Amino acid sequence: PDMSLSEKPESILDRQEGVMRNKTIPFVKILWKNRPEREATWET
């Protein structure tokens, strides 16, 4: 059996836009299921 934990997003806490090489990149801060809010991560 697969014993790895599958990380699933629970909700989006924040949204921002960054600029890299003259392109606007959207970022979202993801709260992961079964993780505290302090472990939320920014994803593109």
PDB file of N, CA and C in Angstrom:
ATOM      1  N   PRO A   1       0.824  -1.210   0.000  1.00  0.00           N
ATOM      2  CA  PRO A   1       0.000   0.000   0.000  1.00  0.00           C
ATOM      3  C   PRO A   1       0.860   1.264   0.000  1.00  0.00           C
ATOM      4  N   ASP A   2       0.313   2.318  -0.563  1.00  0.00           N
ATOM      5  CA  ASP A   2       1.015   3.602  -0.615  1.00  0.00           C
ATOM      6  C   ASP A   2       0.892   4.287   0.743  1.00  0.00           C
ATOM      7  N   MET A   3       2.015   4.450   1.428  1.00  0.00           N
ATOM      8  CA  MET A   3       1.996   5.034   2.766  1.00  0.00           C
ATOM      9  C   MET A   3       2.285   6.535   2.760  1.00  0.00           C
ATOM     10  N   SER A   4       2.492   7.116   1.586  1.00  0.00           N
ATOM     11  CA  SER A   4       2.800   8.547   1.527  1.00  0.00           C
ATOM     12  C   SER A   4       1.538   9.371   1.784  1.00  0.00           C
ATOM     13  N   LEU A   5       1.745  10.495   2.427  1.00  0.00           N
ATOM     14  CA  LEU A   5       0.626  11.399   2.672  1.00  0.00           C
ATOM     15  C   LEU A   5       0.392  12.237   1.428  1.00  0.00           C
ATOM     16  N   SER A   6      -0.833  12.325   1.009  1.00  0.00           N
ATOM     17  CA  SER A   6      -1.106  13.196  -0.134  1.00  0.00           C
ATOM     18  C   SER A   6      -1.549  14.545   0.416  1.00  0.00           C
ATOM     19  N   GLU A   7      -0.809  15.566   0.052  1.00  0.00           N
ATOM     20  CA  GLU A   7      -1.113  16.917   0.503  1.00  0.00           C
ATOM     21  C   GLU A   7      -2.211  17.484  -0.389  1.00  0.00           C
ATOM     22  N   LYS A   8      -3.307  17.887   0.222  1.00  0.00           N
ATOM     23  CA  LYS A   8      -4.414  18.444  -0.546  1.00  0.00           C
ATOM     24  C   LYS A   8      -4.702  19.855  -0.052  1.00  0.00           C
ATOM     25  N   PRO A   9      -4.932  20.778  -0.989  1.00  0.00           N
ATOM     26  CA  PRO A   9      -5.247  22.144  -0.568  1.00  0.00           C
ATOM     27  C   PRO A   9      -6.624  22.204   0.083  1.00  0.00           C
ATOM     28  N   GLU A  10      -6.738  23.033   1.117  1.00  0.00           N
ATOM     29  CA  GLU A  10      -8.009  23.202   1.803  1.00  0.00           C
ATOM     30  C   GLU A  10      -8.668  24.522   1.418  1.00  0.00           C
ATOM     31  N   SER A  11      -7.859  25.595   1.390  1.00  0.00           N
ATOM     32  CA  SER A  11      -8.413  26.892   1.004  1.00  0.00           C
ATOM     33  C   SER A  11      -7.297  27.839   0.565  1.00  0.00           C
ATOM     34  N   ILE A  12      -7.704  28.922  -0.088  1.00  0.00           N
ATOM     35  CA  ILE A  12      -6.781  29.976  -0.511  1.00  0.00           C
ATOM     36  C   ILE A  12      -6.890  31.100   0.512  1.00  0.00           C
ATOM     37  N   LEU A  13      -5.762  31.445   1.123  1.00  0.00           N
ATOM     38  CA  LEU A  13      -5.749  32.471   2.166  1.00  0.00           C
ATOM     39  C   LEU A  13      -5.500  33.865   1.618  1.00  0.00           C
ATOM     40  N   ASP A  14      -4.767  33.966   0.504  1.00  0.00           N
ATOM     41  CA  ASP A  14      -4.392  35.280  -0.023  1.00  0.00           C
ATOM     42  C   ASP A  14      -4.015  35.141  -1.490  1.00  0.00           C
ATOM     43  N   ARG A  15      -4.062  36.243  -2.213  1.00  0.00           N
ATOM     44  CA  ARG A  15      -3.634  36.280  -3.619  1.00  0.00           C
ATOM     45  C   ARG A  15      -2.752  37.496  -3.812  1.00  0.00           C
ATOM     46  N   GLN A  16      -1.690  37.338  -4.599  1.00  0.00           N
ATOM     47  CA  GLN A  16      -0.811  38.457  -4.939  1.00  0.00           C
ATOM     48  C   GLN A  16      -0.319  38.268  -6.363  1.00  0.00           C
ATOM     49  N   GLU A  17       0.228  39.350  -6.910  1.00  0.00           N
ATOM     50  CA  GLU A  17       0.861  39.258  -8.223  1.00  0.00           C
ATOM     51  C   GLU A  17       2.304  39.715  -8.095  1.00  0.00           C
ATOM     52  N   GLY A  18       3.194  38.985  -8.734  1.00  0.00           N
ATOM     53  CA  GLY A  18       4.603  39.354  -8.762  1.00  0.00           C
ATOM     54  C   GLY A  18       5.015  39.577 -10.200  1.00  0.00           C
ATOM     55  N   VAL A  19       6.117  40.294 -10.398  1.00  0.00           N
ATOM     56  CA  VAL A  19       6.612  40.535 -11.749  1.00  0.00           C
ATOM     57  C   VAL A  19       7.983  39.889 -11.887  1.00  0.00           C
ATOM     58  N   MET A  20       8.116  39.010 -12.873  1.00  0.00           N
ATOM     59  CA  MET A  20       9.388  38.357 -13.167  1.00  0.00           C
ATOM     60  C   MET A  20       9.653  38.462 -14.656  1.00  0.00           C
ATOM     61  N   ARG A  21      10.800  39.009 -15.001  1.00  0.00           N
ATOM     62  CA  ARG A  21      11.174  39.166 -16.413  1.00  0.00           C
ATOM     63  C   ARG A  21      10.047  39.820 -17.227  1.00  0.00           C
ATOM     64  N   ASN A  22       9.513  40.905 -16.705  1.00  0.00           N
ATOM     65  CA  ASN A  22       8.456  41.682 -17.368  1.00  0.00           C
ATOM     66  C   ASN A  22       7.158  40.914 -17.563  1.00  0.00           C
ATOM     67  N   LYS A  23       6.956  39.835 -16.808  1.00  0.00           N
ATOM     68  CA  LYS A  23       5.687  39.101 -16.859  1.00  0.00           C
ATOM     69  C   LYS A  23       5.047  39.156 -15.479  1.00  0.00           C
ATOM     70  N   THR A  24       3.726  39.318 -15.454  1.00  0.00           N
ATOM     71  CA  THR A  24       3.005  39.308 -14.188  1.00  0.00           C
ATOM     72  C   THR A  24       2.647  37.866 -13.844  1.00  0.00           C
ATOM     73  N   ILE A  25       3.042  37.438 -12.652  1.00  0.00           N
ATOM     74  CA  ILE A  25       2.825  36.063 -12.214  1.00  0.00           C
ATOM     75  C   ILE A  25       1.859  36.076 -11.024  1.00  0.00           C
ATOM     76  N   PRO A  26       0.731  35.384 -11.120  1.00  0.00           N
ATOM     77  CA  PRO A  26      -0.168  35.319  -9.961  1.00  0.00           C
ATOM     78  C   PRO A  26       0.333  34.296  -8.934  1.00  0.00           C
ATOM     79  N   PHE A  27       0.248  34.665  -7.660  1.00  0.00           N
ATOM     80  CA  PHE A  27       0.595  33.767  -6.560  1.00  0.00           C
ATOM     81  C   PHE A  27      -0.635  33.600  -5.677  1.00  0.00           C
ATOM     82  N   VAL A  28      -0.816  32.416  -5.125  1.00  0.00           N
ATOM     83  CA  VAL A  28      -1.874  32.191  -4.141  1.00  0.00           C
ATOM     84  C   VAL A  28      -1.259  31.536  -2.911  1.00  0.00           C
ATOM     85  N   LYS A  29      -1.736  31.935  -1.744  1.00  0.00           N
ATOM     86  CA  LYS A  29      -1.263  31.327  -0.497  1.00  0.00           C
ATOM     87  C   LYS A  29      -2.239  30.215  -0.137  1.00  0.00           C
ATOM     88  N   ILE A  30      -1.727  28.984  -0.111  1.00  0.00           N
ATOM     89  CA  ILE A  30      -2.557  27.795   0.077  1.00  0.00           C
ATOM     90  C   ILE A  30      -2.466  27.295   1.513  1.00  0.00           C
ATOM     91  N   LEU A  31      -3.628  27.058   2.108  1.00  0.00           N
ATOM     92  CA  LEU A  31      -3.696  26.365   3.391  1.00  0.00           C
ATOM     93  C   LEU A  31      -3.927  24.894   3.083  1.00  0.00           C
ATOM     94  N   TRP A  32      -3.010  24.041   3.540  1.00  0.00           N
ATOM     95  CA  TRP A  32      -3.077  22.613   3.240  1.00  0.00           C
ATOM     96  C   TRP A  32      -3.896  21.881   4.294  1.00  0.00           C
ATOM     97  N   LYS A  33      -4.609  20.872   3.851  1.00  0.00           N
ATOM     98  CA  LYS A  33      -5.421  20.051   4.749  1.00  0.00           C
ATOM     99  C   LYS A  33      -4.522  19.414   5.810  1.00  0.00           C
ATOM    100  N   ASN A  34      -4.990  19.362   7.034  1.00  0.00           N
ATOM    101  CA  ASN A  34      -4.268  18.753   8.164  1.00  0.00           C
ATOM    102  C   ASN A  34      -2.946  19.445   8.491  1.00  0.00           C
ATOM    103  N   ARG A  35      -2.816  20.721   8.116  1.00  0.00           N
ATOM    104  CA  ARG A  35      -1.614  21.500   8.450  1.00  0.00           C
ATOM    105  C   ARG A  35      -2.051  22.793   9.134  1.00  0.00           C
ATOM    106  N   PRO A  36      -1.245  23.305  10.072  1.00  0.00           N
ATOM    107  CA  PRO A  36      -1.585  24.597  10.687  1.00  0.00           C
ATOM    108  C   PRO A  36      -1.385  25.746   9.692  1.00  0.00           C
ATOM    109  N   GLU A  37      -2.052  26.864   9.954  1.00  0.00           N
ATOM    110  CA  GLU A  37      -1.972  28.011   9.037  1.00  0.00           C
ATOM    111  C   GLU A  37      -0.542  28.521   8.881  1.00  0.00           C
ATOM    112  N   ARG A  38       0.289  28.401   9.909  1.00  0.00           N
ATOM    113  CA  ARG A  38       1.683  28.873   9.806  1.00  0.00           C
ATOM    114  C   ARG A  38       2.480  28.089   8.774  1.00  0.00           C
ATOM    115  N   GLU A  39       1.980  26.929   8.340  1.00  0.00           N
ATOM    116  CA  GLU A  39       2.664  26.134   7.315  1.00  0.00           C
ATOM    117  C   GLU A  39       2.066  26.337   5.920  1.00  0.00           C
ATOM    118  N   ALA A  40       1.198  27.346   5.777  1.00  0.00           N
ATOM    119  CA  ALA A  40       0.649  27.661   4.460  1.00  0.00           C
ATOM    120  C   ALA A  40       1.789  28.087   3.539  1.00  0.00           C
ATOM    121  N   THR A  41       1.657  27.813   2.249  1.00  0.00           N
ATOM    122  CA  THR A  41       2.733  28.111   1.303  1.00  0.00           C
ATOM    123  C   THR A  41       2.218  28.942   0.133  1.00  0.00           C
ATOM    124  N   TRP A  42       3.128  29.737  -0.446  1.00  0.00           N
ATOM    125  CA  TRP A  42       2.818  30.502  -1.655  1.00  0.00           C
ATOM    126  C   TRP A  42       3.092  29.625  -2.868  1.00  0.00           C
ATOM    127  N   GLU A  43       2.132  29.539  -3.778  1.00  0.00           N
ATOM    128  CA  GLU A  43       2.254  28.723  -4.986  1.00  0.00           C
ATOM    129  C   GLU A  43       1.899  29.566  -6.205  1.00  0.00           C
ATOM    130  N   THR A  44       2.447  29.173  -7.356  1.00  0.00           N
ATOM    131  CA  THR A  44       2.105  29.866  -8.606  1.00  0.00           C
ATOM    132  C   THR A  44       1.083  29.065  -9.372  1.00  0.00           C
TER     133      THR A  44
END
